[in-house]
């Protein structure tokens, strides 16, 4: 995927090619002109979760803006070679006693915990926080999910952003690059985050 400056270079070029003003782009993407202007002036990072809106406004595919080769992309798959968070599954949640017991393979609807080992989801989920998940194999757009990428046994915690033609796995911390899901890799959603707890 391209850097923020490279993405904005492409958007600048498309803006000129389509003879569009910042005001017209803002109208097309349903955003304030001042916000859009800050993206083009490089005062604010481009919002990856709005890439489809900008692509539609510029008459291109989102993959073109992101520098991702145009190909079929499926939401069931993931990408590799990206810096991402590390987590440790702590245990299965025993609803009868309301705290963890030994971890085992979970069926849908059961609960499990894992502990964040990095800062990729800060400030919402800090390092060393314990996150409670409900075991399920799909999540809604913009929910936090426990994910297995490319059969790596270490689960990830990412925010899911579903686009029309691809899937983004987002960190809350802007220092971590988003993961674009491609057909060449595999992803398994193992649960949806429902509670976070941590020491003050």
N, C-alpha and C. Protein backbone atom coordinates (compact mmCIF):
# COMPACT_ATOMS: atom_id res chain seq x y z
N UNK A 1 0.84 -1.18 0.00
CA UNK A 1 0.00 0.00 0.00
C UNK A 1 0.88 1.24 0.00
N UNK A 2 0.38 2.29 -0.59
CA UNK A 2 1.13 3.54 -0.69
C UNK A 2 1.12 4.31 0.64
N UNK A 3 2.10 5.20 0.78
CA UNK A 3 2.15 6.07 1.96
C UNK A 3 1.06 7.14 1.82
N UNK A 4 0.85 7.89 2.89
CA UNK A 4 -0.14 8.97 2.85
C UNK A 4 0.20 9.98 1.76
N UNK A 5 1.48 10.37 1.66
CA UNK A 5 1.87 11.34 0.63
C UNK A 5 1.63 10.79 -0.77
N UNK A 6 1.92 9.51 -0.98
CA UNK A 6 1.69 8.90 -2.30
C UNK A 6 0.20 8.85 -2.63
N UNK A 7 -0.62 8.54 -1.63
CA UNK A 7 -2.07 8.53 -1.84
C UNK A 7 -2.55 9.93 -2.22
N UNK A 8 -2.05 10.93 -1.50
CA UNK A 8 -2.48 12.30 -1.80
C UNK A 8 -1.95 12.78 -3.15
N UNK A 9 -0.78 12.30 -3.56
CA UNK A 9 -0.28 12.62 -4.91
C UNK A 9 -1.24 12.09 -5.97
N UNK A 10 -1.73 10.87 -5.76
CA UNK A 10 -2.69 10.29 -6.70
C UNK A 10 -3.98 11.09 -6.70
N UNK A 11 -4.47 11.46 -5.51
CA UNK A 11 -5.70 12.25 -5.43
C UNK A 11 -5.52 13.63 -6.06
N UNK A 12 -4.34 14.24 -5.87
CA UNK A 12 -4.05 15.52 -6.54
C UNK A 12 -4.13 15.37 -8.06
N UNK A 13 -3.53 14.31 -8.56
CA UNK A 13 -3.53 14.06 -9.99
C UNK A 13 -4.96 13.84 -10.50
N UNK A 14 -5.74 13.04 -9.78
CA UNK A 14 -7.13 12.78 -10.17
C UNK A 14 -7.98 14.05 -10.10
N UNK A 15 -7.70 14.88 -9.11
CA UNK A 15 -8.41 16.16 -8.97
C UNK A 15 -8.18 17.02 -10.21
N UNK A 16 -6.94 17.07 -10.67
CA UNK A 16 -6.62 17.85 -11.87
C UNK A 16 -7.24 17.22 -13.12
N UNK A 17 -7.09 15.90 -13.26
CA UNK A 17 -7.61 15.20 -14.43
C UNK A 17 -9.13 15.36 -14.57
N UNK A 18 -9.81 15.36 -13.43
CA UNK A 18 -11.27 15.47 -13.44
C UNK A 18 -11.74 16.92 -13.32
N UNK A 19 -10.78 17.85 -13.25
CA UNK A 19 -11.10 19.27 -13.14
C UNK A 19 -12.06 19.55 -11.98
N UNK A 20 -11.67 19.02 -10.80
CA UNK A 20 -12.52 19.14 -9.62
C UNK A 20 -11.91 20.12 -8.62
N UNK A 21 -12.75 20.90 -7.99
CA UNK A 21 -12.30 21.77 -6.90
C UNK A 21 -12.41 21.00 -5.59
N UNK A 22 -11.75 21.50 -4.55
CA UNK A 22 -11.87 20.90 -3.23
C UNK A 22 -13.32 20.95 -2.77
N UNK A 23 -14.01 22.04 -3.09
CA UNK A 23 -15.43 22.17 -2.71
C UNK A 23 -16.27 21.08 -3.35
N UNK A 24 -16.01 20.79 -4.64
CA UNK A 24 -16.79 19.77 -5.33
C UNK A 24 -16.48 18.38 -4.79
N UNK A 25 -15.22 18.12 -4.49
CA UNK A 25 -14.86 16.83 -3.91
C UNK A 25 -15.54 16.66 -2.55
N UNK A 26 -15.50 17.72 -1.73
CA UNK A 26 -16.14 17.68 -0.41
C UNK A 26 -17.63 17.40 -0.54
N UNK A 27 -18.27 18.02 -1.52
CA UNK A 27 -19.70 17.78 -1.74
C UNK A 27 -19.94 16.32 -2.12
N UNK A 28 -19.10 15.80 -3.02
CA UNK A 28 -19.28 14.42 -3.50
C UNK A 28 -19.04 13.37 -2.42
N UNK A 29 -18.12 13.66 -1.50
CA UNK A 29 -17.83 12.69 -0.45
C UNK A 29 -18.59 12.98 0.85
N UNK A 30 -19.41 14.05 0.81
CA UNK A 30 -20.24 14.42 1.96
C UNK A 30 -19.39 14.71 3.21
N UNK A 31 -18.38 15.56 3.01
CA UNK A 31 -17.52 15.99 4.12
C UNK A 31 -17.38 17.50 4.07
N UNK A 32 -16.92 18.07 5.16
CA UNK A 32 -16.69 19.51 5.20
C UNK A 32 -15.52 19.87 4.29
N UNK A 33 -15.65 21.00 3.61
CA UNK A 33 -14.59 21.47 2.71
C UNK A 33 -13.28 21.64 3.48
N UNK A 34 -13.35 22.14 4.70
CA UNK A 34 -12.13 22.37 5.49
C UNK A 34 -11.40 21.06 5.77
N UNK A 35 -12.14 19.99 6.03
CA UNK A 35 -11.51 18.68 6.29
C UNK A 35 -10.82 18.17 5.03
N UNK A 36 -11.51 18.23 3.90
CA UNK A 36 -10.95 17.75 2.64
C UNK A 36 -9.72 18.59 2.27
N UNK A 37 -9.79 19.89 2.49
CA UNK A 37 -8.68 20.77 2.20
C UNK A 37 -7.44 20.37 3.01
N UNK A 38 -7.62 19.97 4.26
CA UNK A 38 -6.50 19.56 5.11
C UNK A 38 -5.82 18.30 4.57
N UNK A 39 -6.61 17.40 3.96
CA UNK A 39 -6.00 16.21 3.35
C UNK A 39 -5.11 16.62 2.18
N UNK A 40 -5.63 17.49 1.31
CA UNK A 40 -4.90 17.90 0.12
C UNK A 40 -3.69 18.78 0.47
N UNK A 41 -3.76 19.50 1.58
CA UNK A 41 -2.62 20.33 2.02
C UNK A 41 -1.65 19.55 2.90
N UNK A 42 -1.92 18.25 3.09
CA UNK A 42 -1.07 17.35 3.89
C UNK A 42 -1.02 17.76 5.36
N UNK A 43 -2.06 18.43 5.84
CA UNK A 43 -2.13 18.81 7.25
C UNK A 43 -2.78 17.71 8.09
N UNK A 44 -3.45 16.79 7.43
CA UNK A 44 -4.13 15.69 8.10
C UNK A 44 -3.99 14.45 7.22
N UNK A 45 -3.84 13.28 7.86
CA UNK A 45 -3.73 12.04 7.10
C UNK A 45 -5.05 11.71 6.40
N UNK A 46 -4.92 11.14 5.22
CA UNK A 46 -6.09 10.71 4.47
C UNK A 46 -6.83 9.62 5.24
N UNK A 47 -8.16 9.72 5.35
CA UNK A 47 -8.94 8.73 6.11
C UNK A 47 -9.19 7.46 5.28
N UNK A 48 -8.47 6.40 5.56
CA UNK A 48 -8.59 5.18 4.77
C UNK A 48 -9.99 4.60 4.77
N UNK A 49 -10.74 4.86 5.83
CA UNK A 49 -12.10 4.33 5.87
C UNK A 49 -13.05 5.08 4.93
N UNK A 50 -12.57 6.15 4.31
CA UNK A 50 -13.39 6.90 3.34
C UNK A 50 -12.89 6.73 1.91
N UNK A 51 -11.97 5.78 1.69
CA UNK A 51 -11.36 5.63 0.37
C UNK A 51 -12.39 5.33 -0.71
N UNK A 52 -13.43 4.56 -0.38
CA UNK A 52 -14.45 4.27 -1.40
C UNK A 52 -15.19 5.53 -1.82
N UNK A 53 -15.48 6.41 -0.88
CA UNK A 53 -16.17 7.66 -1.21
C UNK A 53 -15.32 8.51 -2.14
N UNK A 54 -14.02 8.62 -1.83
CA UNK A 54 -13.13 9.41 -2.68
C UNK A 54 -12.95 8.76 -4.05
N UNK A 55 -12.86 7.44 -4.07
CA UNK A 55 -12.71 6.73 -5.35
C UNK A 55 -13.92 6.98 -6.23
N UNK A 56 -15.10 6.89 -5.66
CA UNK A 56 -16.33 7.12 -6.42
C UNK A 56 -16.37 8.57 -6.92
N UNK A 57 -15.97 9.50 -6.08
CA UNK A 57 -15.97 10.92 -6.47
C UNK A 57 -15.00 11.19 -7.62
N UNK A 58 -13.93 10.39 -7.71
CA UNK A 58 -12.89 10.59 -8.73
C UNK A 58 -13.02 9.61 -9.90
N UNK A 59 -14.05 8.76 -9.85
CA UNK A 59 -14.31 7.79 -10.93
C UNK A 59 -13.19 6.77 -11.12
N UNK A 60 -12.66 6.28 -10.00
CA UNK A 60 -11.66 5.21 -10.04
C UNK A 60 -12.00 4.16 -8.99
N UNK A 61 -11.27 3.06 -9.04
CA UNK A 61 -11.44 2.01 -8.02
C UNK A 61 -10.63 2.37 -6.78
N UNK A 62 -11.08 2.00 -5.59
CA UNK A 62 -10.33 2.28 -4.37
C UNK A 62 -8.91 1.72 -4.41
N UNK A 63 -8.74 0.56 -5.02
CA UNK A 63 -7.43 -0.07 -5.10
C UNK A 63 -6.42 0.82 -5.83
N UNK A 64 -6.90 1.59 -6.81
CA UNK A 64 -6.01 2.49 -7.54
C UNK A 64 -5.46 3.57 -6.61
N UNK A 65 -6.32 4.14 -5.78
CA UNK A 65 -5.88 5.17 -4.84
C UNK A 65 -4.89 4.62 -3.83
N UNK A 66 -5.14 3.39 -3.36
CA UNK A 66 -4.27 2.78 -2.34
C UNK A 66 -3.00 2.19 -2.92
N UNK A 67 -2.90 2.12 -4.25
CA UNK A 67 -1.72 1.54 -4.87
C UNK A 67 -1.73 0.03 -4.81
N UNK A 68 -2.91 -0.52 -4.79
CA UNK A 68 -3.10 -1.95 -4.72
C UNK A 68 -3.55 -2.42 -6.08
N UNK A 69 -2.90 -3.44 -6.62
CA UNK A 69 -3.24 -3.91 -7.96
C UNK A 69 -4.71 -4.29 -8.02
N UNK A 70 -5.36 -3.88 -9.08
CA UNK A 70 -6.78 -4.21 -9.25
C UNK A 70 -6.92 -5.71 -9.44
N UNK A 71 -7.61 -6.36 -8.54
CA UNK A 71 -7.91 -7.77 -8.63
C UNK A 71 -9.09 -8.05 -7.72
N UNK A 72 -9.63 -9.22 -7.83
CA UNK A 72 -10.74 -9.58 -6.98
C UNK A 72 -10.23 -9.75 -5.56
N UNK A 73 -10.91 -9.14 -4.61
CA UNK A 73 -10.52 -9.22 -3.21
C UNK A 73 -11.73 -9.70 -2.42
N UNK A 74 -11.48 -10.60 -1.52
CA UNK A 74 -12.58 -11.21 -0.78
C UNK A 74 -12.46 -10.89 0.71
N UNK A 75 -13.59 -10.65 1.39
CA UNK A 75 -13.53 -10.35 2.81
C UNK A 75 -13.15 -11.52 3.69
N UNK A 76 -13.04 -12.73 3.14
CA UNK A 76 -12.66 -13.88 3.96
C UNK A 76 -11.15 -14.05 4.03
N UNK A 77 -10.40 -13.16 3.43
CA UNK A 77 -8.96 -13.38 3.32
C UNK A 77 -8.18 -12.21 3.89
N UNK A 78 -6.89 -12.42 4.20
CA UNK A 78 -6.04 -11.39 4.80
C UNK A 78 -4.74 -11.21 4.07
N UNK A 79 -3.87 -10.36 4.58
CA UNK A 79 -2.59 -10.10 3.94
C UNK A 79 -1.47 -10.32 4.95
N UNK A 80 -0.26 -10.53 4.44
CA UNK A 80 0.86 -10.75 5.35
C UNK A 80 1.91 -9.66 5.16
N UNK A 81 3.06 -9.85 5.79
CA UNK A 81 4.17 -8.90 5.69
C UNK A 81 3.78 -7.50 6.15
N UNK A 82 2.94 -7.39 7.16
CA UNK A 82 2.52 -6.10 7.69
C UNK A 82 2.78 -6.12 9.19
N UNK A 83 3.25 -5.00 9.74
CA UNK A 83 3.43 -4.92 11.18
C UNK A 83 2.05 -4.93 11.83
N UNK A 84 1.86 -5.82 12.78
CA UNK A 84 0.56 -5.89 13.43
C UNK A 84 0.72 -6.27 14.89
N UNK A 85 -0.40 -6.26 15.59
CA UNK A 85 -0.33 -6.47 17.03
C UNK A 85 -0.14 -7.93 17.39
N UNK A 86 0.38 -8.14 18.57
CA UNK A 86 0.50 -9.48 19.11
C UNK A 86 -0.43 -9.59 20.30
N UNK A 87 -1.07 -10.74 20.41
CA UNK A 87 -1.98 -10.97 21.52
C UNK A 87 -1.75 -12.38 22.04
N UNK A 88 -2.18 -12.63 23.21
CA UNK A 88 -2.10 -13.96 23.78
C UNK A 88 -3.48 -14.35 24.27
N UNK A 89 -3.96 -15.50 23.81
CA UNK A 89 -5.24 -15.98 24.32
C UNK A 89 -5.00 -16.43 25.76
N UNK A 90 -5.75 -15.87 26.67
CA UNK A 90 -5.55 -16.15 28.08
C UNK A 90 -6.32 -17.40 28.49
N UNK A 91 -7.61 -17.43 28.21
CA UNK A 91 -8.40 -18.58 28.64
C UNK A 91 -9.82 -18.48 28.14
N UNK A 92 -10.51 -19.58 28.25
CA UNK A 92 -11.93 -19.61 27.98
C UNK A 92 -12.65 -18.94 29.15
N UNK A 93 -13.74 -18.24 28.86
CA UNK A 93 -14.52 -17.63 29.94
C UNK A 93 -15.57 -18.61 30.42
N UNK A 94 -15.62 -18.82 31.70
CA UNK A 94 -16.63 -19.68 32.30
C UNK A 94 -17.73 -18.78 32.82
N UNK A 95 -18.87 -18.78 32.13
CA UNK A 95 -19.95 -17.86 32.48
C UNK A 95 -20.51 -18.11 33.87
N UNK A 96 -20.40 -19.35 34.35
CA UNK A 96 -20.96 -19.68 35.66
C UNK A 96 -20.20 -18.96 36.78
N UNK A 97 -18.88 -18.83 36.64
CA UNK A 97 -18.11 -18.19 37.70
C UNK A 97 -17.62 -16.80 37.30
N UNK A 98 -17.87 -16.40 36.05
CA UNK A 98 -17.56 -15.07 35.56
C UNK A 98 -16.07 -14.72 35.59
N UNK A 99 -15.21 -15.74 35.49
CA UNK A 99 -13.80 -15.46 35.26
C UNK A 99 -13.19 -16.65 34.54
N UNK A 100 -12.01 -16.52 33.97
CA UNK A 100 -11.47 -17.53 33.06
C UNK A 100 -11.17 -18.87 33.69
N UNK A 101 -11.33 -19.92 32.88
CA UNK A 101 -10.84 -21.26 33.19
C UNK A 101 -9.88 -21.62 32.08
N UNK A 102 -9.49 -22.85 31.94
CA UNK A 102 -8.53 -23.24 30.91
C UNK A 102 -9.11 -23.03 29.51
N UNK A 103 -8.22 -22.61 28.59
CA UNK A 103 -8.63 -22.37 27.21
C UNK A 103 -8.78 -23.70 26.47
N UNK A 104 -9.78 -23.80 25.64
CA UNK A 104 -9.94 -24.94 24.74
C UNK A 104 -10.58 -24.41 23.47
N UNK A 105 -10.72 -25.27 22.46
CA UNK A 105 -11.37 -24.83 21.23
C UNK A 105 -12.81 -24.45 21.55
N UNK A 106 -13.23 -23.31 21.06
CA UNK A 106 -14.53 -22.76 21.42
C UNK A 106 -15.51 -22.91 20.28
N UNK A 107 -16.76 -23.16 20.63
CA UNK A 107 -17.81 -23.14 19.62
C UNK A 107 -18.44 -21.76 19.64
N UNK A 108 -19.22 -21.45 18.59
CA UNK A 108 -19.85 -20.13 18.49
C UNK A 108 -20.65 -19.81 19.75
N UNK A 109 -20.57 -18.56 20.18
CA UNK A 109 -21.34 -18.11 21.32
C UNK A 109 -20.60 -18.19 22.64
N UNK A 110 -19.53 -18.99 22.70
CA UNK A 110 -18.74 -19.05 23.91
C UNK A 110 -17.86 -17.81 23.98
N UNK A 111 -17.21 -17.61 25.12
CA UNK A 111 -16.39 -16.43 25.33
C UNK A 111 -14.95 -16.83 25.62
N UNK A 112 -14.02 -15.95 25.25
CA UNK A 112 -12.62 -16.15 25.59
C UNK A 112 -11.97 -14.78 25.77
N UNK A 113 -10.82 -14.79 26.44
CA UNK A 113 -10.06 -13.56 26.69
C UNK A 113 -8.77 -13.60 25.91
N UNK A 114 -8.26 -12.42 25.54
CA UNK A 114 -6.84 -12.34 25.25
C UNK A 114 -6.27 -11.01 25.68
N UNK A 115 -4.96 -11.04 25.85
CA UNK A 115 -4.24 -9.91 26.43
C UNK A 115 -3.43 -9.22 25.35
N UNK A 116 -3.58 -7.89 25.25
CA UNK A 116 -2.81 -7.11 24.27
C UNK A 116 -1.34 -7.09 24.67
N UNK A 117 -0.48 -7.28 23.67
CA UNK A 117 0.96 -7.28 23.93
C UNK A 117 1.66 -6.09 23.28
N UNK A 118 0.92 -5.20 22.63
CA UNK A 118 1.53 -4.04 21.99
C UNK A 118 0.58 -2.84 22.07
N UNK A 119 0.91 -1.77 21.36
CA UNK A 119 0.15 -0.52 21.44
C UNK A 119 -0.68 -0.25 20.19
N UNK A 120 -0.88 -1.26 19.34
CA UNK A 120 -1.56 -1.02 18.06
C UNK A 120 -3.00 -0.55 18.18
N UNK A 121 -3.67 -0.85 19.28
CA UNK A 121 -5.07 -0.48 19.42
C UNK A 121 -5.29 0.65 20.43
N UNK A 122 -4.19 1.29 20.86
CA UNK A 122 -4.32 2.44 21.76
C UNK A 122 -4.84 3.63 20.98
N UNK A 123 -5.64 4.48 21.59
CA UNK A 123 -5.91 4.58 23.03
C UNK A 123 -7.10 3.74 23.50
N UNK A 124 -7.87 3.15 22.60
CA UNK A 124 -9.08 2.44 23.00
C UNK A 124 -8.75 1.19 23.81
N UNK A 125 -7.78 0.41 23.33
CA UNK A 125 -7.39 -0.81 24.04
C UNK A 125 -5.89 -0.72 24.32
N UNK A 126 -5.51 -0.37 25.55
CA UNK A 126 -4.10 -0.18 25.86
C UNK A 126 -3.32 -1.50 25.95
N UNK A 127 -2.00 -1.37 25.85
CA UNK A 127 -1.11 -2.51 26.03
C UNK A 127 -1.38 -3.13 27.40
N UNK A 128 -1.37 -4.44 27.47
CA UNK A 128 -1.60 -5.24 28.67
C UNK A 128 -3.07 -5.29 29.10
N UNK A 129 -3.97 -4.70 28.32
CA UNK A 129 -5.40 -4.84 28.62
C UNK A 129 -5.85 -6.26 28.33
N UNK A 130 -6.87 -6.70 29.04
CA UNK A 130 -7.48 -8.00 28.78
C UNK A 130 -8.79 -7.74 28.06
N UNK A 131 -8.98 -8.42 26.93
CA UNK A 131 -10.16 -8.20 26.09
C UNK A 131 -11.01 -9.46 26.10
N UNK A 132 -12.30 -9.29 26.39
CA UNK A 132 -13.24 -10.41 26.36
C UNK A 132 -13.87 -10.47 24.98
N UNK A 133 -13.88 -11.66 24.38
CA UNK A 133 -14.44 -11.89 23.05
C UNK A 133 -15.56 -12.90 23.10
N UNK A 134 -16.53 -12.71 22.22
CA UNK A 134 -17.55 -13.71 21.97
C UNK A 134 -17.11 -14.47 20.72
N UNK A 135 -17.00 -15.79 20.81
CA UNK A 135 -16.57 -16.59 19.67
C UNK A 135 -17.62 -16.53 18.56
N UNK A 136 -17.20 -16.07 17.38
CA UNK A 136 -18.06 -16.02 16.20
C UNK A 136 -17.17 -15.86 14.98
N UNK A 137 -17.67 -16.27 13.82
CA UNK A 137 -16.83 -16.29 12.62
C UNK A 137 -17.08 -15.11 11.68
N UNK A 138 -17.86 -14.12 12.10
CA UNK A 138 -18.08 -12.92 11.31
C UNK A 138 -18.39 -11.77 12.25
N UNK A 139 -18.10 -10.56 11.81
CA UNK A 139 -18.42 -9.36 12.58
C UNK A 139 -19.01 -8.32 11.64
N UNK A 140 -19.68 -7.33 12.21
CA UNK A 140 -20.21 -6.24 11.41
C UNK A 140 -19.12 -5.21 11.14
N UNK A 141 -19.41 -4.35 10.18
CA UNK A 141 -18.48 -3.29 9.82
C UNK A 141 -18.15 -2.44 11.04
N UNK A 142 -16.87 -2.13 11.21
CA UNK A 142 -16.34 -1.26 12.26
C UNK A 142 -16.37 -1.89 13.65
N UNK A 143 -16.53 -3.21 13.73
CA UNK A 143 -16.40 -3.88 15.01
C UNK A 143 -14.97 -4.39 15.18
N UNK A 144 -14.58 -4.63 16.43
CA UNK A 144 -13.26 -5.16 16.73
C UNK A 144 -13.33 -6.68 16.73
N UNK A 145 -12.36 -7.31 16.04
CA UNK A 145 -12.38 -8.76 15.90
C UNK A 145 -11.04 -9.37 16.27
N UNK A 146 -11.11 -10.60 16.77
CA UNK A 146 -9.92 -11.44 16.93
C UNK A 146 -9.77 -12.20 15.62
N UNK A 147 -8.56 -12.15 15.05
CA UNK A 147 -8.34 -12.64 13.69
C UNK A 147 -7.10 -13.51 13.65
N UNK A 148 -7.15 -14.57 12.85
CA UNK A 148 -5.98 -15.37 12.53
C UNK A 148 -5.65 -15.08 11.07
N UNK A 149 -4.43 -14.58 10.80
CA UNK A 149 -3.98 -14.29 9.44
C UNK A 149 -3.03 -15.37 8.96
N UNK A 150 -3.29 -15.86 7.75
CA UNK A 150 -2.40 -16.81 7.09
C UNK A 150 -1.99 -17.97 7.99
N UNK A 151 -2.95 -18.45 8.77
CA UNK A 151 -2.76 -19.60 9.66
C UNK A 151 -1.66 -19.38 10.70
N UNK A 152 -1.27 -18.12 10.94
CA UNK A 152 -0.33 -17.80 12.00
C UNK A 152 -1.05 -18.06 13.32
N UNK A 153 -0.47 -18.83 14.22
CA UNK A 153 -1.18 -19.16 15.46
C UNK A 153 -1.39 -17.99 16.41
N UNK A 154 -0.71 -16.86 16.17
CA UNK A 154 -0.88 -15.70 17.04
C UNK A 154 -2.06 -14.86 16.57
N UNK A 155 -3.11 -14.76 17.37
CA UNK A 155 -4.27 -13.96 16.95
C UNK A 155 -3.98 -12.46 16.98
N UNK A 156 -4.67 -11.73 16.13
CA UNK A 156 -4.57 -10.28 16.07
C UNK A 156 -5.88 -9.68 16.55
N UNK A 157 -5.82 -8.45 16.99
CA UNK A 157 -7.02 -7.68 17.31
C UNK A 157 -7.03 -6.50 16.36
N UNK A 158 -8.05 -6.40 15.51
CA UNK A 158 -8.15 -5.32 14.53
C UNK A 158 -9.61 -4.86 14.41
N UNK A 159 -9.76 -3.62 13.98
CA UNK A 159 -11.07 -3.08 13.65
C UNK A 159 -11.34 -3.44 12.19
N UNK A 160 -12.50 -4.00 11.93
CA UNK A 160 -12.86 -4.43 10.57
C UNK A 160 -13.56 -3.28 9.87
N UNK A 161 -13.09 -2.96 8.67
CA UNK A 161 -13.74 -1.95 7.84
C UNK A 161 -14.03 -2.59 6.49
N UNK A 162 -15.31 -2.88 6.25
CA UNK A 162 -15.72 -3.53 5.02
C UNK A 162 -15.96 -2.49 3.94
N UNK A 163 -15.30 -2.67 2.82
CA UNK A 163 -15.49 -1.82 1.66
C UNK A 163 -16.23 -2.64 0.61
N UNK A 164 -16.67 -2.00 -0.43
CA UNK A 164 -17.44 -2.72 -1.46
C UNK A 164 -16.62 -3.84 -2.09
N UNK A 165 -15.35 -3.59 -2.37
CA UNK A 165 -14.56 -4.58 -3.10
C UNK A 165 -13.38 -5.14 -2.32
N UNK A 166 -13.21 -4.74 -1.07
CA UNK A 166 -12.11 -5.28 -0.27
C UNK A 166 -12.38 -5.03 1.20
N UNK A 167 -11.47 -5.48 2.02
CA UNK A 167 -11.60 -5.39 3.48
C UNK A 167 -10.34 -4.75 4.05
N UNK A 168 -10.51 -3.83 4.99
CA UNK A 168 -9.38 -3.23 5.70
C UNK A 168 -9.39 -3.72 7.14
N UNK A 169 -8.21 -4.05 7.65
CA UNK A 169 -8.03 -4.38 9.05
C UNK A 169 -7.25 -3.21 9.65
N UNK A 170 -7.90 -2.48 10.54
CA UNK A 170 -7.36 -1.22 11.03
C UNK A 170 -6.91 -1.30 12.48
N UNK A 171 -5.82 -0.61 12.77
CA UNK A 171 -5.39 -0.38 14.14
C UNK A 171 -5.91 1.00 14.55
N UNK A 172 -6.10 1.20 15.83
CA UNK A 172 -6.50 2.52 16.31
C UNK A 172 -5.30 3.46 16.36
N UNK A 173 -4.12 2.91 16.61
CA UNK A 173 -2.89 3.69 16.68
C UNK A 173 -2.42 3.99 15.25
N UNK A 174 -2.31 5.26 14.86
CA UNK A 174 -1.94 5.61 13.48
C UNK A 174 -0.51 5.20 13.11
N UNK A 175 0.31 4.78 14.07
CA UNK A 175 1.66 4.31 13.76
C UNK A 175 1.66 2.92 13.12
N UNK A 176 0.53 2.24 13.16
CA UNK A 176 0.41 0.90 12.58
C UNK A 176 -0.34 0.98 11.26
N UNK A 177 0.24 0.43 10.23
CA UNK A 177 -0.36 0.48 8.89
C UNK A 177 -1.59 -0.42 8.83
N UNK A 178 -2.61 -0.02 8.05
CA UNK A 178 -3.76 -0.90 7.86
C UNK A 178 -3.36 -2.11 7.02
N UNK A 179 -4.10 -3.16 7.16
CA UNK A 179 -3.88 -4.37 6.37
C UNK A 179 -4.98 -4.43 5.32
N UNK A 180 -4.59 -4.54 4.06
CA UNK A 180 -5.55 -4.71 2.98
C UNK A 180 -5.68 -6.20 2.71
N UNK A 181 -6.90 -6.70 2.73
CA UNK A 181 -7.15 -8.12 2.57
C UNK A 181 -7.12 -8.49 1.08
N UNK A 182 -6.31 -9.48 0.71
CA UNK A 182 -6.22 -9.89 -0.69
C UNK A 182 -6.61 -11.36 -0.84
N UNK A 183 -6.86 -11.76 -2.07
CA UNK A 183 -7.27 -13.13 -2.34
C UNK A 183 -6.13 -14.13 -2.19
N UNK A 184 -4.90 -13.66 -2.07
CA UNK A 184 -3.74 -14.55 -1.97
C UNK A 184 -3.48 -15.03 -0.55
N UNK A 185 -4.16 -14.49 0.42
CA UNK A 185 -3.90 -14.80 1.81
C UNK A 185 -5.20 -15.24 2.48
N UNK A 186 -5.08 -15.77 3.68
CA UNK A 186 -6.26 -16.26 4.38
C UNK A 186 -6.46 -15.51 5.70
N UNK A 187 -7.73 -15.38 6.07
CA UNK A 187 -8.08 -14.76 7.35
C UNK A 187 -9.21 -15.57 7.96
N UNK A 188 -9.13 -15.76 9.26
CA UNK A 188 -10.21 -16.42 10.00
C UNK A 188 -10.60 -15.51 11.16
N UNK A 189 -11.85 -15.08 11.17
CA UNK A 189 -12.36 -14.31 12.30
C UNK A 189 -12.77 -15.31 13.37
N UNK A 190 -12.21 -15.15 14.58
CA UNK A 190 -12.52 -16.12 15.64
C UNK A 190 -13.39 -15.54 16.74
N UNK A 191 -13.59 -14.21 16.74
CA UNK A 191 -14.44 -13.63 17.77
C UNK A 191 -14.59 -12.13 17.66
N UNK A 192 -15.59 -11.61 18.36
CA UNK A 192 -15.89 -10.17 18.40
C UNK A 192 -15.63 -9.64 19.80
N UNK A 193 -14.88 -8.54 19.89
CA UNK A 193 -14.58 -7.94 21.19
C UNK A 193 -15.84 -7.37 21.81
N UNK A 194 -16.06 -7.68 23.08
CA UNK A 194 -17.25 -7.16 23.76
C UNK A 194 -16.93 -6.40 25.05
N UNK A 195 -15.71 -6.58 25.60
CA UNK A 195 -15.36 -5.87 26.83
C UNK A 195 -13.85 -5.77 26.95
N UNK A 196 -13.38 -4.65 27.51
CA UNK A 196 -11.95 -4.44 27.75
C UNK A 196 -11.77 -4.12 29.22
N UNK A 197 -10.75 -4.72 29.85
CA UNK A 197 -10.44 -4.36 31.22
C UNK A 197 -8.92 -4.22 31.36
N UNK A 198 -8.51 -3.28 32.22
CA UNK A 198 -7.09 -3.05 32.42
C UNK A 198 -6.88 -2.34 33.75
N UNK A 199 -5.64 -2.44 34.23
CA UNK A 199 -5.25 -1.81 35.49
C UNK A 199 -4.99 -0.33 35.26
N UNK A 200 -5.39 0.51 36.16
CA UNK A 200 -5.09 1.95 36.07
C UNK A 200 -3.73 2.26 36.67
